[in-house]
Amino acid sequence: MAKRTTSRSVVAGVVLAATAGLLAAAPASAAPVPPRAPRSCDGGEPIAGDAITARSATYGSIVAELRYSPSYACAWGRVRGGRLGDGVHVSRRWNSDPAQTEYNIASAMITSGSTVYTPWFDDDGHTMSACAVNEATQTVYTCTGWY
């Protein structure tokens, strides 16, 4: 038994074909916009595979790093070479203005191993810094520059 085509199906097919023709007729000069990863990273787990160490500072065996993802425009702090109780704090400045600094917006402490990192934060239009600290005494070992 042959499938019956209704007028609704025919109209839908004509509209779909017309729409496809319009899309195909887009001007060749329109450059495609590359996708950018979403930037709602405040307080999230760093997941970017394109991360770089934007700034670092060393105190003895402890390395404080400010990590940055260009595709997400997010940054986070990491400490390597620390001991139990050592940690990292991150701070963020709005528009590079010292008067608009959010100090210690996140911190993380080493509970095993020698490396720890903070959640990541939106860095688009901001600058950030990471500091290696001893969480028990709140001694600041070293801080990265602002990036």
N, C-alpha and C. Protein backbone atom coordinates (compact mmCIF):
# COMPACT_ATOMS: atom_id res chain seq x y z
N MET A 1 0.85 -1.17 0.00
CA MET A 1 0.00 0.00 0.00
C MET A 1 0.89 1.24 0.00
N ALA A 2 0.63 2.13 -0.91
CA ALA A 2 1.44 3.34 -1.07
C ALA A 2 1.12 4.31 0.04
N LYS A 3 2.15 5.04 0.50
CA LYS A 3 1.97 6.04 1.55
C LYS A 3 1.29 7.26 0.95
N ARG A 4 0.28 7.74 1.64
CA ARG A 4 -0.46 8.90 1.15
C ARG A 4 0.21 10.18 1.63
N THR A 5 0.41 11.11 0.74
CA THR A 5 1.02 12.39 1.08
C THR A 5 -0.09 13.40 1.29
N THR A 6 -0.06 14.04 2.43
CA THR A 6 -1.07 15.06 2.71
C THR A 6 -0.56 16.41 2.26
N SER A 7 -1.45 17.36 2.13
CA SER A 7 -1.03 18.71 1.72
C SER A 7 -0.13 19.34 2.76
N ARG A 8 -0.31 18.98 4.04
CA ARG A 8 0.54 19.52 5.10
C ARG A 8 1.99 19.07 4.90
N SER A 9 2.20 17.81 4.51
CA SER A 9 3.54 17.30 4.27
C SER A 9 4.19 17.98 3.08
N VAL A 10 3.41 18.24 2.04
CA VAL A 10 3.94 18.91 0.86
C VAL A 10 4.35 20.33 1.19
N VAL A 11 3.51 21.05 1.93
CA VAL A 11 3.82 22.44 2.32
C VAL A 11 5.08 22.47 3.19
N ALA A 12 5.19 21.55 4.14
CA ALA A 12 6.36 21.51 5.00
C ALA A 12 7.61 21.24 4.18
N GLY A 13 7.53 20.37 3.19
CA GLY A 13 8.67 20.08 2.33
C GLY A 13 9.08 21.28 1.50
N VAL A 14 8.10 22.04 0.99
CA VAL A 14 8.40 23.24 0.20
C VAL A 14 9.07 24.30 1.06
N VAL A 15 8.57 24.50 2.29
CA VAL A 15 9.15 25.48 3.21
C VAL A 15 10.57 25.08 3.57
N LEU A 16 10.79 23.81 3.86
CA LEU A 16 12.13 23.32 4.21
C LEU A 16 13.09 23.51 3.04
N ALA A 17 12.66 23.19 1.83
CA ALA A 17 13.51 23.35 0.65
C ALA A 17 13.84 24.82 0.40
N ALA A 18 12.86 25.70 0.58
CA ALA A 18 13.08 27.14 0.38
C ALA A 18 14.07 27.67 1.41
N THR A 19 13.91 27.23 2.66
CA THR A 19 14.82 27.66 3.72
C THR A 19 16.23 27.19 3.43
N ALA A 20 16.37 25.96 3.00
CA ALA A 20 17.70 25.43 2.69
C ALA A 20 18.33 26.21 1.56
N GLY A 21 17.54 26.62 0.58
CA GLY A 21 18.05 27.42 -0.53
C GLY A 21 18.53 28.78 -0.07
N LEU A 22 17.82 29.38 0.87
CA LEU A 22 18.24 30.69 1.40
C LEU A 22 19.54 30.56 2.17
N LEU A 23 19.65 29.49 2.96
CA LEU A 23 20.88 29.32 3.73
C LEU A 23 22.07 29.07 2.82
N ALA A 24 21.85 28.31 1.76
CA ALA A 24 22.94 28.02 0.84
C ALA A 24 23.35 29.26 0.06
N ALA A 25 22.45 30.25 -0.07
CA ALA A 25 22.73 31.44 -0.85
C ALA A 25 23.39 32.54 -0.03
N ALA A 26 23.87 32.23 1.17
CA ALA A 26 24.53 33.23 2.00
C ALA A 26 25.77 33.75 1.27
N PRO A 27 26.08 35.04 1.41
CA PRO A 27 27.22 35.60 0.69
C PRO A 27 28.53 34.92 1.09
N ALA A 28 29.39 34.70 0.12
CA ALA A 28 30.66 34.02 0.36
C ALA A 28 31.59 34.86 1.21
N SER A 29 31.36 36.17 1.30
CA SER A 29 32.24 37.04 2.06
C SER A 29 32.02 36.96 3.56
N ALA A 30 30.92 36.33 4.00
CA ALA A 30 30.65 36.22 5.44
C ALA A 30 31.61 35.21 6.05
N ALA A 31 32.53 35.69 6.89
CA ALA A 31 33.52 34.81 7.53
C ALA A 31 32.87 34.07 8.69
N PRO A 32 33.15 32.80 8.83
CA PRO A 32 32.58 32.06 9.95
C PRO A 32 33.17 32.55 11.27
N VAL A 33 32.37 32.61 12.28
CA VAL A 33 32.82 33.03 13.60
C VAL A 33 33.26 31.79 14.35
N PRO A 34 34.52 31.72 14.79
CA PRO A 34 34.95 30.53 15.51
C PRO A 34 34.23 30.42 16.84
N PRO A 35 33.86 29.21 17.22
CA PRO A 35 33.16 29.06 18.50
C PRO A 35 34.09 29.36 19.65
N ARG A 36 33.56 29.94 20.70
CA ARG A 36 34.34 30.21 21.91
C ARG A 36 33.69 29.43 23.04
N ALA A 37 34.50 28.84 23.84
CA ALA A 37 33.98 28.06 24.94
C ALA A 37 33.22 28.97 25.90
N PRO A 38 32.23 28.44 26.59
CA PRO A 38 31.48 29.27 27.54
C PRO A 38 32.39 29.74 28.69
N ARG A 39 32.12 30.94 29.20
CA ARG A 39 32.98 31.50 30.24
C ARG A 39 32.34 31.50 31.61
N SER A 40 31.36 30.72 31.84
CA SER A 40 30.75 30.68 33.16
C SER A 40 31.55 29.74 34.05
N CYS A 41 32.78 30.13 34.30
CA CYS A 41 33.69 29.23 35.01
C CYS A 41 33.88 29.59 36.48
N ASP A 42 33.29 30.67 36.96
CA ASP A 42 33.53 31.08 38.34
C ASP A 42 33.21 29.95 39.32
N GLY A 43 34.27 29.51 40.01
CA GLY A 43 34.12 28.48 41.03
C GLY A 43 34.10 27.06 40.51
N GLY A 44 34.29 26.87 39.21
CA GLY A 44 34.23 25.54 38.63
C GLY A 44 35.55 24.82 38.63
N GLU A 45 35.50 23.56 38.22
CA GLU A 45 36.68 22.71 38.10
C GLU A 45 37.40 23.03 36.79
N PRO A 46 38.69 23.36 36.83
CA PRO A 46 39.42 23.62 35.59
C PRO A 46 39.41 22.39 34.68
N ILE A 47 38.99 22.59 33.41
CA ILE A 47 38.91 21.46 32.49
C ILE A 47 39.62 21.74 31.17
N ALA A 48 40.20 22.87 31.00
CA ALA A 48 40.73 23.29 29.71
C ALA A 48 42.01 22.55 29.35
N GLY A 49 42.02 21.97 28.17
CA GLY A 49 43.20 21.29 27.68
C GLY A 49 44.24 22.24 27.10
N ASP A 50 43.86 23.50 26.90
CA ASP A 50 44.79 24.46 26.31
C ASP A 50 45.44 25.36 27.36
N ALA A 51 45.42 24.93 28.62
CA ALA A 51 45.91 25.77 29.71
C ALA A 51 47.41 26.05 29.58
N ILE A 52 47.77 27.26 29.96
CA ILE A 52 49.17 27.67 30.00
C ILE A 52 49.48 28.17 31.42
N THR A 53 50.74 28.19 31.77
CA THR A 53 51.15 28.83 33.01
C THR A 53 51.46 30.27 32.64
N ALA A 54 50.55 31.17 33.01
CA ALA A 54 50.69 32.58 32.63
C ALA A 54 51.73 33.30 33.48
N ARG A 55 51.80 32.96 34.75
CA ARG A 55 52.76 33.54 35.68
C ARG A 55 53.17 32.47 36.68
N SER A 56 54.41 32.56 37.17
CA SER A 56 54.85 31.63 38.21
C SER A 56 55.84 32.34 39.12
N ALA A 57 55.97 31.81 40.33
CA ALA A 57 56.92 32.32 41.31
C ALA A 57 57.38 31.14 42.15
N THR A 58 58.65 31.16 42.56
CA THR A 58 59.23 30.04 43.29
C THR A 58 59.75 30.49 44.65
N TYR A 59 59.52 29.63 45.65
CA TYR A 59 60.06 29.83 46.99
C TYR A 59 60.58 28.47 47.43
N GLY A 60 61.91 28.29 47.42
CA GLY A 60 62.47 26.97 47.73
C GLY A 60 61.98 25.96 46.70
N SER A 61 61.35 24.88 47.18
CA SER A 61 60.83 23.86 46.27
C SER A 61 59.38 24.13 45.84
N ILE A 62 58.78 25.18 46.39
CA ILE A 62 57.36 25.46 46.12
C ILE A 62 57.24 26.40 44.92
N VAL A 63 56.39 26.01 43.98
CA VAL A 63 56.14 26.83 42.80
C VAL A 63 54.67 27.23 42.79
N ALA A 64 54.42 28.53 42.84
CA ALA A 64 53.06 29.06 42.71
C ALA A 64 52.85 29.38 41.23
N GLU A 65 51.72 28.94 40.70
CA GLU A 65 51.44 29.18 39.28
C GLU A 65 50.05 29.77 39.11
N LEU A 66 49.95 30.70 38.19
CA LEU A 66 48.66 31.18 37.74
C LEU A 66 48.43 30.52 36.39
N ARG A 67 47.46 29.62 36.33
CA ARG A 67 47.15 28.89 35.10
C ARG A 67 46.04 29.64 34.37
N TYR A 68 46.05 29.58 33.04
CA TYR A 68 45.09 30.32 32.24
C TYR A 68 44.67 29.52 31.01
N SER A 69 43.38 29.56 30.71
CA SER A 69 42.85 28.91 29.52
C SER A 69 42.42 29.98 28.52
N PRO A 70 43.11 30.11 27.38
CA PRO A 70 42.70 31.10 26.38
C PRO A 70 41.32 30.84 25.80
N SER A 71 40.94 29.58 25.62
CA SER A 71 39.64 29.30 25.00
C SER A 71 38.48 29.60 25.94
N TYR A 72 38.69 29.51 27.24
CA TYR A 72 37.63 29.80 28.20
C TYR A 72 37.78 31.19 28.84
N ALA A 73 38.95 31.82 28.72
CA ALA A 73 39.26 33.10 29.39
C ALA A 73 39.03 32.95 30.89
N CYS A 74 39.56 31.86 31.43
CA CYS A 74 39.43 31.56 32.86
C CYS A 74 40.82 31.27 33.43
N ALA A 75 41.00 31.58 34.70
CA ALA A 75 42.30 31.36 35.34
C ALA A 75 42.11 30.73 36.71
N TRP A 76 43.16 30.07 37.20
CA TRP A 76 43.13 29.43 38.51
C TRP A 76 44.55 29.34 39.05
N GLY A 77 44.67 29.09 40.34
CA GLY A 77 45.98 28.98 40.96
C GLY A 77 46.36 27.53 41.18
N ARG A 78 47.66 27.27 41.13
CA ARG A 78 48.16 25.92 41.40
C ARG A 78 49.47 26.04 42.15
N VAL A 79 49.70 25.14 43.09
CA VAL A 79 50.98 25.03 43.79
C VAL A 79 51.54 23.65 43.52
N ARG A 80 52.82 23.62 43.17
CA ARG A 80 53.55 22.36 42.98
C ARG A 80 54.73 22.34 43.94
N GLY A 81 55.11 21.16 44.38
CA GLY A 81 56.28 21.02 45.24
C GLY A 81 56.03 21.40 46.69
N GLY A 82 54.78 21.48 47.08
CA GLY A 82 54.45 21.86 48.45
C GLY A 82 54.42 20.65 49.39
N ARG A 83 54.13 20.94 50.64
CA ARG A 83 54.00 19.92 51.68
C ARG A 83 52.58 19.94 52.22
N LEU A 84 52.23 18.94 52.99
CA LEU A 84 50.91 18.93 53.62
C LEU A 84 50.71 20.23 54.38
N GLY A 85 49.58 20.86 54.19
CA GLY A 85 49.28 22.12 54.85
C GLY A 85 49.59 23.35 54.01
N ASP A 86 50.42 23.17 52.98
CA ASP A 86 50.67 24.28 52.07
C ASP A 86 49.47 24.40 51.14
N GLY A 87 49.32 25.57 50.55
CA GLY A 87 48.18 25.75 49.66
C GLY A 87 48.38 26.91 48.72
N VAL A 88 47.29 27.28 48.07
CA VAL A 88 47.31 28.35 47.09
C VAL A 88 46.06 29.20 47.26
N HIS A 89 46.22 30.52 47.14
CA HIS A 89 45.11 31.48 47.14
C HIS A 89 45.14 32.21 45.80
N VAL A 90 43.98 32.57 45.28
CA VAL A 90 43.93 33.41 44.08
C VAL A 90 43.16 34.69 44.37
N SER A 91 43.58 35.76 43.74
CA SER A 91 42.92 37.06 43.85
C SER A 91 42.66 37.57 42.44
N ARG A 92 41.64 38.45 42.32
CA ARG A 92 41.26 38.98 40.99
C ARG A 92 41.04 40.47 41.09
N ARG A 93 41.56 41.18 40.07
CA ARG A 93 41.37 42.63 39.96
C ARG A 93 40.45 42.92 38.79
N TRP A 94 39.59 43.89 38.97
CA TRP A 94 38.69 44.33 37.91
C TRP A 94 39.37 45.46 37.16
N ASN A 95 39.55 45.30 35.87
CA ASN A 95 40.13 46.34 35.02
C ASN A 95 41.52 46.77 35.48
N SER A 96 42.27 45.86 36.06
CA SER A 96 43.64 46.11 36.54
C SER A 96 43.72 47.22 37.58
N ASP A 97 42.62 47.52 38.25
CA ASP A 97 42.56 48.60 39.25
C ASP A 97 42.79 48.02 40.64
N PRO A 98 43.93 48.35 41.30
CA PRO A 98 44.20 47.81 42.63
C PRO A 98 43.09 48.10 43.65
N ALA A 99 42.35 49.18 43.45
CA ALA A 99 41.25 49.51 44.37
C ALA A 99 40.07 48.56 44.20
N GLN A 100 40.05 47.83 43.09
CA GLN A 100 38.94 46.90 42.83
C GLN A 100 39.44 45.45 42.85
N THR A 101 40.18 45.11 43.89
CA THR A 101 40.75 43.77 44.01
C THR A 101 39.90 42.91 44.93
N GLU A 102 39.60 41.71 44.48
CA GLU A 102 38.95 40.70 45.32
C GLU A 102 40.07 39.78 45.81
N TYR A 103 40.43 39.92 47.07
CA TYR A 103 41.52 39.11 47.62
C TYR A 103 41.02 37.73 48.02
N ASN A 104 41.86 36.73 47.78
CA ASN A 104 41.59 35.36 48.20
C ASN A 104 40.19 34.88 47.83
N ILE A 105 39.84 35.02 46.55
CA ILE A 105 38.51 34.58 46.13
C ILE A 105 38.37 33.06 46.18
N ALA A 106 39.51 32.37 46.22
CA ALA A 106 39.48 30.91 46.36
C ALA A 106 40.80 30.45 46.93
N SER A 107 40.76 29.33 47.61
CA SER A 107 41.99 28.74 48.13
C SER A 107 41.85 27.22 48.11
N ALA A 108 42.98 26.57 48.16
CA ALA A 108 43.01 25.11 48.23
C ALA A 108 44.24 24.71 49.02
N MET A 109 44.13 23.62 49.79
CA MET A 109 45.23 23.17 50.64
C MET A 109 45.63 21.76 50.25
N ILE A 110 46.93 21.49 50.30
CA ILE A 110 47.44 20.16 50.01
C ILE A 110 47.09 19.24 51.18
N THR A 111 46.36 18.19 50.88
CA THR A 111 46.00 17.19 51.90
C THR A 111 46.69 15.85 51.63
N SER A 112 47.20 15.68 50.43
CA SER A 112 48.03 14.53 50.07
C SER A 112 48.81 14.92 48.82
N GLY A 113 49.95 14.30 48.63
CA GLY A 113 50.78 14.64 47.48
C GLY A 113 51.49 15.97 47.68
N SER A 114 51.80 16.63 46.57
CA SER A 114 52.54 17.89 46.66
C SER A 114 51.98 18.97 45.74
N THR A 115 50.82 18.72 45.13
CA THR A 115 50.21 19.67 44.20
C THR A 115 48.75 19.88 44.55
N VAL A 116 48.30 21.11 44.39
CA VAL A 116 46.88 21.42 44.60
C VAL A 116 46.53 22.62 43.73
N TYR A 117 45.26 22.72 43.34
CA TYR A 117 44.83 23.86 42.55
C TYR A 117 43.45 24.32 43.01
N THR A 118 43.17 25.60 42.72
CA THR A 118 41.89 26.21 43.10
C THR A 118 40.88 25.97 41.98
N PRO A 119 39.62 26.30 42.25
CA PRO A 119 38.66 26.37 41.14
C PRO A 119 39.10 27.48 40.18
N TRP A 120 38.53 27.49 38.99
CA TRP A 120 38.86 28.54 38.04
C TRP A 120 37.83 29.65 38.07
N PHE A 121 38.25 30.81 37.56
CA PHE A 121 37.40 32.00 37.61
C PHE A 121 37.51 32.77 36.30
N ASP A 122 36.44 33.48 35.97
CA ASP A 122 36.39 34.31 34.77
C ASP A 122 37.51 35.35 34.86
N ASP A 123 38.32 35.40 33.83
CA ASP A 123 39.46 36.32 33.78
C ASP A 123 39.33 37.29 32.61
N ASP A 124 38.19 37.29 31.94
CA ASP A 124 37.99 38.15 30.78
C ASP A 124 37.81 39.59 31.25
N GLY A 125 38.78 40.46 30.94
CA GLY A 125 38.72 41.85 31.38
C GLY A 125 39.24 42.05 32.80
N HIS A 126 39.81 41.01 33.38
CA HIS A 126 40.34 41.09 34.74
C HIS A 126 41.81 40.68 34.72
N THR A 127 42.47 40.87 35.84
CA THR A 127 43.80 40.30 36.03
C THR A 127 43.74 39.47 37.30
N MET A 128 44.57 38.43 37.36
CA MET A 128 44.56 37.56 38.52
C MET A 128 45.99 37.26 38.97
N SER A 129 46.10 36.81 40.21
CA SER A 129 47.37 36.46 40.81
C SER A 129 47.16 35.24 41.70
N ALA A 130 48.21 34.43 41.87
CA ALA A 130 48.15 33.26 42.75
C ALA A 130 49.28 33.35 43.76
N CYS A 131 49.00 32.96 45.00
CA CYS A 131 50.01 32.97 46.06
C CYS A 131 50.12 31.60 46.70
N ALA A 132 51.36 31.16 46.94
CA ALA A 132 51.62 29.94 47.70
C ALA A 132 51.66 30.32 49.16
N VAL A 133 50.93 29.57 49.99
CA VAL A 133 50.81 29.91 51.41
C VAL A 133 50.90 28.65 52.27
N ASN A 134 51.16 28.86 53.55
CA ASN A 134 50.98 27.80 54.54
C ASN A 134 49.64 28.08 55.18
N GLU A 135 48.70 27.19 55.00
CA GLU A 135 47.33 27.43 55.47
C GLU A 135 47.25 27.53 57.00
N ALA A 136 48.05 26.76 57.72
CA ALA A 136 47.98 26.77 59.19
C ALA A 136 48.44 28.10 59.77
N THR A 137 49.53 28.63 59.24
CA THR A 137 50.09 29.87 59.80
C THR A 137 49.70 31.10 58.99
N GLN A 138 49.09 30.89 57.82
CA GLN A 138 48.76 31.96 56.88
C GLN A 138 50.00 32.72 56.42
N THR A 139 51.15 32.04 56.45
CA THR A 139 52.38 32.61 55.93
C THR A 139 52.32 32.57 54.41
N VAL A 140 52.56 33.71 53.78
CA VAL A 140 52.61 33.77 52.32
C VAL A 140 54.05 33.53 51.89
N TYR A 141 54.27 32.45 51.15
CA TYR A 141 55.62 32.13 50.67
C TYR A 141 56.00 33.02 49.49
N THR A 142 55.15 33.08 48.49
CA THR A 142 55.44 33.84 47.29
C THR A 142 54.15 34.03 46.49
N CYS A 143 54.12 35.04 45.64
CA CYS A 143 52.96 35.29 44.78
C CYS A 143 53.42 35.53 43.34
N THR A 144 52.58 35.12 42.42
CA THR A 144 52.86 35.40 41.01
C THR A 144 52.57 36.86 40.72
N GLY A 145 53.02 37.32 39.58
CA GLY A 145 52.61 38.64 39.12
C GLY A 145 51.16 38.58 38.65
N TRP A 146 50.60 39.73 38.35
CA TRP A 146 49.23 39.81 37.85
C TRP A 146 49.21 39.51 36.36
N TYR A 147 48.17 38.79 35.94
CA TYR A 147 48.02 38.47 34.52
C TYR A 147 46.57 38.61 34.16
